Structure formats: C-alpha cells, structure tokens
C-alpha atoms as a PDB file:
ATOM      1  CA  UNK A   1      37.765-127.857   6.245  1.00  0.00           C
ATOM      2  CA  UNK A   2      39.469-127.171   2.919  1.00  0.00           C
ATOM      3  CA  UNK A   3      36.391-128.138   0.923  1.00  0.00           C
ATOM      4  CA  UNK A   4      34.238-125.700   2.886  1.00  0.00           C
ATOM      5  CA  UNK A   5      36.691-122.924   2.084  1.00  0.00           C
ATOM      6  CA  UNK A   6      36.690-123.894  -1.596  1.00  0.00           C
ATOM      7  CA  UNK A   7      32.890-123.853  -1.649  1.00  0.00           C
ATOM      8  CA  UNK A   8      32.851-120.369  -0.133  1.00  0.00           C
ATOM      9  CA  UNK A   9      35.335-119.257  -2.780  1.00  0.00           C
ATOM     10  CA  UNK A  10      32.976-120.638  -5.441  1.00  0.00           C
ATOM     11  CA  UNK A  11      30.099-118.589  -4.053  1.00  0.00           C
ATOM     12  CA  UNK A  12      32.246-115.467  -4.029  1.00  0.00           C
ATOM     13  CA  UNK A  13      33.486-116.062  -7.573  1.00  0.00           C
ATOM     14  CA  UNK A  14      29.972-116.557  -8.881  1.00  0.00           C
ATOM     15  CA  UNK A  15      28.846-113.364  -7.149  1.00  0.00           C
ATOM     16  CA  UNK A  16      31.866-111.617  -8.687  1.00  0.00           C
ATOM     17  CA  UNK A  17      30.905-112.984 -12.103  1.00  0.00           C
ATOM     18  CA  UNK A  18      27.307-111.822 -11.694  1.00  0.00           C
ATOM     19  CA  UNK A  19      28.348-108.261 -10.856  1.00  0.00           C
ATOM     20  CA  UNK A  20      31.103-108.031 -13.474  1.00  0.00           C
ATOM     21  CA  UNK A  21      28.980-109.589 -16.226  1.00  0.00           C
ATOM     22  CA  UNK A  22      26.726-106.559 -16.281  1.00  0.00           C
ATOM     23  CA  UNK A  23      29.633-104.160 -16.735  1.00  0.00           C
ATOM     24  CA  UNK A  24      32.064-106.141 -18.911  1.00  0.00           C
ATOM     25  CA  UNK A  25      30.417-109.372 -20.049  1.00  0.00           C
ATOM     26  CA  UNK A  26      32.224-112.670 -20.151  1.00  0.00           C
ATOM     27  CA  UNK A  27      32.501-115.831 -18.146  1.00  0.00           C
ATOM     28  CA  UNK A  28      35.463-115.117 -15.856  1.00  0.00           C
ATOM     29  CA  UNK A  29      33.656-115.927 -12.592  1.00  0.00           C
ATOM     30  CA  UNK A  30      32.255-119.176 -13.952  1.00  0.00           C
ATOM     31  CA  UNK A  31      35.665-120.245 -15.261  1.00  0.00           C
ATOM     32  CA  UNK A  32      37.230-119.531 -11.870  1.00  0.00           C
ATOM     33  CA  UNK A  33      34.484-121.560 -10.175  1.00  0.00           C
ATOM     34  CA  UNK A  34      35.075-124.520 -12.498  1.00  0.00           C
ATOM     35  CA  UNK A  35      38.801-124.361 -11.734  1.00  0.00           C
ATOM     36  CA  UNK A  36      38.078-124.379  -7.992  1.00  0.00           C
ATOM     37  CA  UNK A  37      35.711-127.350  -8.392  1.00  0.00           C
ATOM     38  CA  UNK A  38      38.461-129.187 -10.295  1.00  0.00           C
ATOM     39  CA  UNK A  39      40.963-128.475  -7.517  1.00  0.00           C
ATOM     40  CA  UNK A  40      38.452-129.728  -4.921  1.00  0.00           C
ATOM     41  CA  UNK A  41      37.954-132.953  -6.878  1.00  0.00           C
ATOM     42  CA  UNK A  42      41.717-133.465  -7.100  1.00  0.00           C
ATOM     43  CA  UNK A  43      42.042-132.852  -3.352  1.00  0.00           C
ATOM     44  CA  UNK A  44      39.346-135.458  -2.637  1.00  0.00           C
ATOM     45  CA  UNK A  45      41.106-137.948  -4.911  1.00  0.00           C
ATOM     46  CA  UNK A  46      44.409-137.431  -3.076  1.00  0.00           C
ATOM     47  CA  UNK A  47      42.689-137.908   0.282  1.00  0.00           C
ATOM     48  CA  UNK A  48      41.077-141.137  -0.913  1.00  0.00           C
ATOM     49  CA  UNK A  49      44.421-142.353  -2.253  1.00  0.00           C
ATOM     50  CA  UNK A  50      46.011-141.729   1.163  1.00  0.00           C
ATOM     51  CA  UNK A  51      43.292-143.699   2.938  1.00  0.00           C
ATOM     52  CA  UNK A  52      43.675-146.592   0.467  1.00  0.00           C
ATOM     53  CA  UNK A  53      47.470-146.581   0.903  1.00  0.00           C
ATOM     54  CA  UNK A  54      47.124-146.703   4.706  1.00  0.00           C
ATOM     55  CA  UNK A  55      44.627-149.550   4.439  1.00  0.00           C
ATOM     56  CA  UNK A  56      46.897-151.547   2.125  1.00  0.00           C
ATOM     57  CA  UNK A  57      49.857-151.165   4.496  1.00  0.00           C
ATOM     58  CA  UNK A  58      48.073-151.610   7.848  1.00  0.00           C
ATOM     59  CA  UNK A  59      44.900-153.546   6.910  1.00  0.00           C
ATOM     60  CA  UNK A  60      42.930-150.974   8.924  1.00  0.00           C
ATOM     61  CA  UNK A  61      41.988-147.314   8.805  1.00  0.00           C
ATOM     62  CA  UNK A  62      41.275-147.033  12.522  1.00  0.00           C
ATOM     63  CA  UNK A  63      43.043-143.956  13.870  1.00  0.00           C
ATOM     64  CA  UNK A  64      43.999-145.722  17.106  1.00  0.00           C
ATOM     65  CA  UNK A  65      45.896-148.374  15.126  1.00  0.00           C
ATOM     66  CA  UNK A  66      47.494-146.008  12.622  1.00  0.00           C
ATOM     67  CA  UNK A  67      48.795-143.338  15.012  1.00  0.00           C
ATOM     68  CA  UNK A  68      52.448-144.330  14.590  1.00  0.00           C
ATOM     69  CA  UNK A  69      54.361-143.221  11.497  1.00  0.00           C
ATOM     70  CA  UNK A  70      56.434-146.381  11.253  1.00  0.00           C
ATOM     71  CA  UNK A  71      55.548-149.640   9.549  1.00  0.00           C
END
C-alpha cells in the first residue's frame, strides 16, 4: 500500500514540476520524485530484511507458522 501512495506522489510531483517549469524553470519536481523513489527503494530493502530475519529465525515465512511474536 505504501508503494502505491509513493507512486502517486511521484506522479503529482512530476505534474507539479511540469507546470512550475514553465513559470520558474528548474528541476524541483524531478528532484522530489528522485527522493521519493529513493525512499521507496529503502522501504523495500527494509521489508526484504524483515522477511530474511524471520526466515533465519523460524526457517519459514509462512504466516500461519509465524503468527506468534515469541521465539
């Protein structure tokens, strides 16, 4: 869900950049979009790290087997 929201923010920022470029010039919308893409990549890396940590501790990533928060 978070990645879909970040992608919609990217579309809005690029539209913002396109409209502002005509009046002021510059790359502000593109820079914002690159920052959002970087945040999305970091979020995906953290999610993958969590899945790997669960697998190393439980030897499974099945939700039925990992529903308890204790080892």
